[in-house]
Amino acid sequence: IKTLDYPPPSSKPYYSTPAKQDAMYKITQELLQFELIRPSYSPYAAPALLVAKHDGTWRMV
């Protein structure tokens, strides 16, 4: 992907409670285990957040 000579935009992570941080960690570890995601050290990134499902579990978006 060709990028311009500008630095990548930076954005802060969204605030989340300790309970949401724990849920985010568990979801991330599960996705890593099933190789649906992989570690990345790219300067291009977007913050993730959790949305509550109807059954009380979380969906990472």
Protein backbone atom coordinates (compact mmCIF):
# COMPACT_ATOMS: atom_id res chain seq x y z
CA ILE A 1 0.00 0.00 0.00
CA LYS A 2 1.47 3.30 -1.02
CA THR A 3 1.18 5.96 1.63
CA LEU A 4 1.92 9.65 1.45
CA ASP A 5 4.82 11.30 3.20
CA TYR A 6 2.61 12.26 6.13
CA PRO A 7 2.86 10.52 9.51
CA PRO A 8 0.03 8.11 10.33
CA PRO A 9 -2.83 9.65 12.30
CA SER A 10 -2.74 8.89 15.98
CA SER A 11 -5.72 8.23 18.20
CA LYS A 12 -5.97 7.42 21.86
CA PRO A 13 -7.61 4.22 23.08
CA TYR A 14 -11.17 4.67 24.27
CA TYR A 15 -11.73 4.72 28.03
CA SER A 16 -12.98 1.39 29.36
CA THR A 17 -13.68 -0.03 32.77
CA PRO A 18 -11.50 -2.79 34.25
CA ALA A 19 -14.30 -5.28 33.51
CA LYS A 20 -14.35 -4.25 29.84
CA GLN A 21 -10.55 -4.39 29.67
CA ASP A 22 -10.68 -7.95 31.01
CA ALA A 23 -13.34 -8.91 28.45
CA MET A 24 -11.30 -7.28 25.66
CA TYR A 25 -8.21 -9.25 26.73
CA LYS A 26 -10.14 -12.54 26.74
CA ILE A 27 -11.66 -11.88 23.31
CA THR A 28 -8.26 -10.90 21.90
CA GLN A 29 -6.59 -14.03 23.31
CA GLU A 30 -9.32 -16.22 21.81
CA LEU A 31 -8.91 -14.58 18.39
CA LEU A 32 -5.13 -15.06 18.60
CA GLN A 33 -5.56 -18.72 19.60
CA PHE A 34 -7.73 -19.43 16.56
CA GLU A 35 -5.33 -17.43 14.35
CA LEU A 36 -8.08 -15.04 13.28
CA ILE A 37 -5.79 -12.15 14.16
CA ARG A 38 -2.03 -11.80 14.55
CA PRO A 39 0.25 -9.45 16.48
CA SER A 40 1.05 -6.24 14.64
CA TYR A 41 3.43 -3.39 15.33
CA SER A 42 2.24 -1.15 12.52
CA PRO A 43 1.95 2.58 13.21
CA TYR A 44 -1.47 2.43 11.50
CA ALA A 45 -4.13 1.31 13.95
CA ALA A 46 -7.65 2.06 15.10
CA PRO A 47 -9.01 1.86 18.65
CA ALA A 48 -11.31 -1.04 19.45
CA LEU A 49 -14.38 -0.91 21.67
CA LEU A 50 -16.90 -3.33 23.12
CA VAL A 51 -20.61 -3.35 22.41
CA ALA A 52 -23.01 -5.30 24.62
CA LYS A 53 -24.98 -8.07 22.93
CA HIS A 54 -28.57 -8.94 23.88
CA ASP A 55 -27.38 -12.01 25.81
CA GLY A 56 -25.07 -9.91 28.02
CA THR A 57 -21.80 -10.89 26.33
CA TRP A 58 -19.54 -8.47 24.48
CA ARG A 59 -18.79 -7.94 20.80
CA MET A 60 -15.50 -6.26 19.91
CA VAL A 61 -15.82 -3.68 17.13
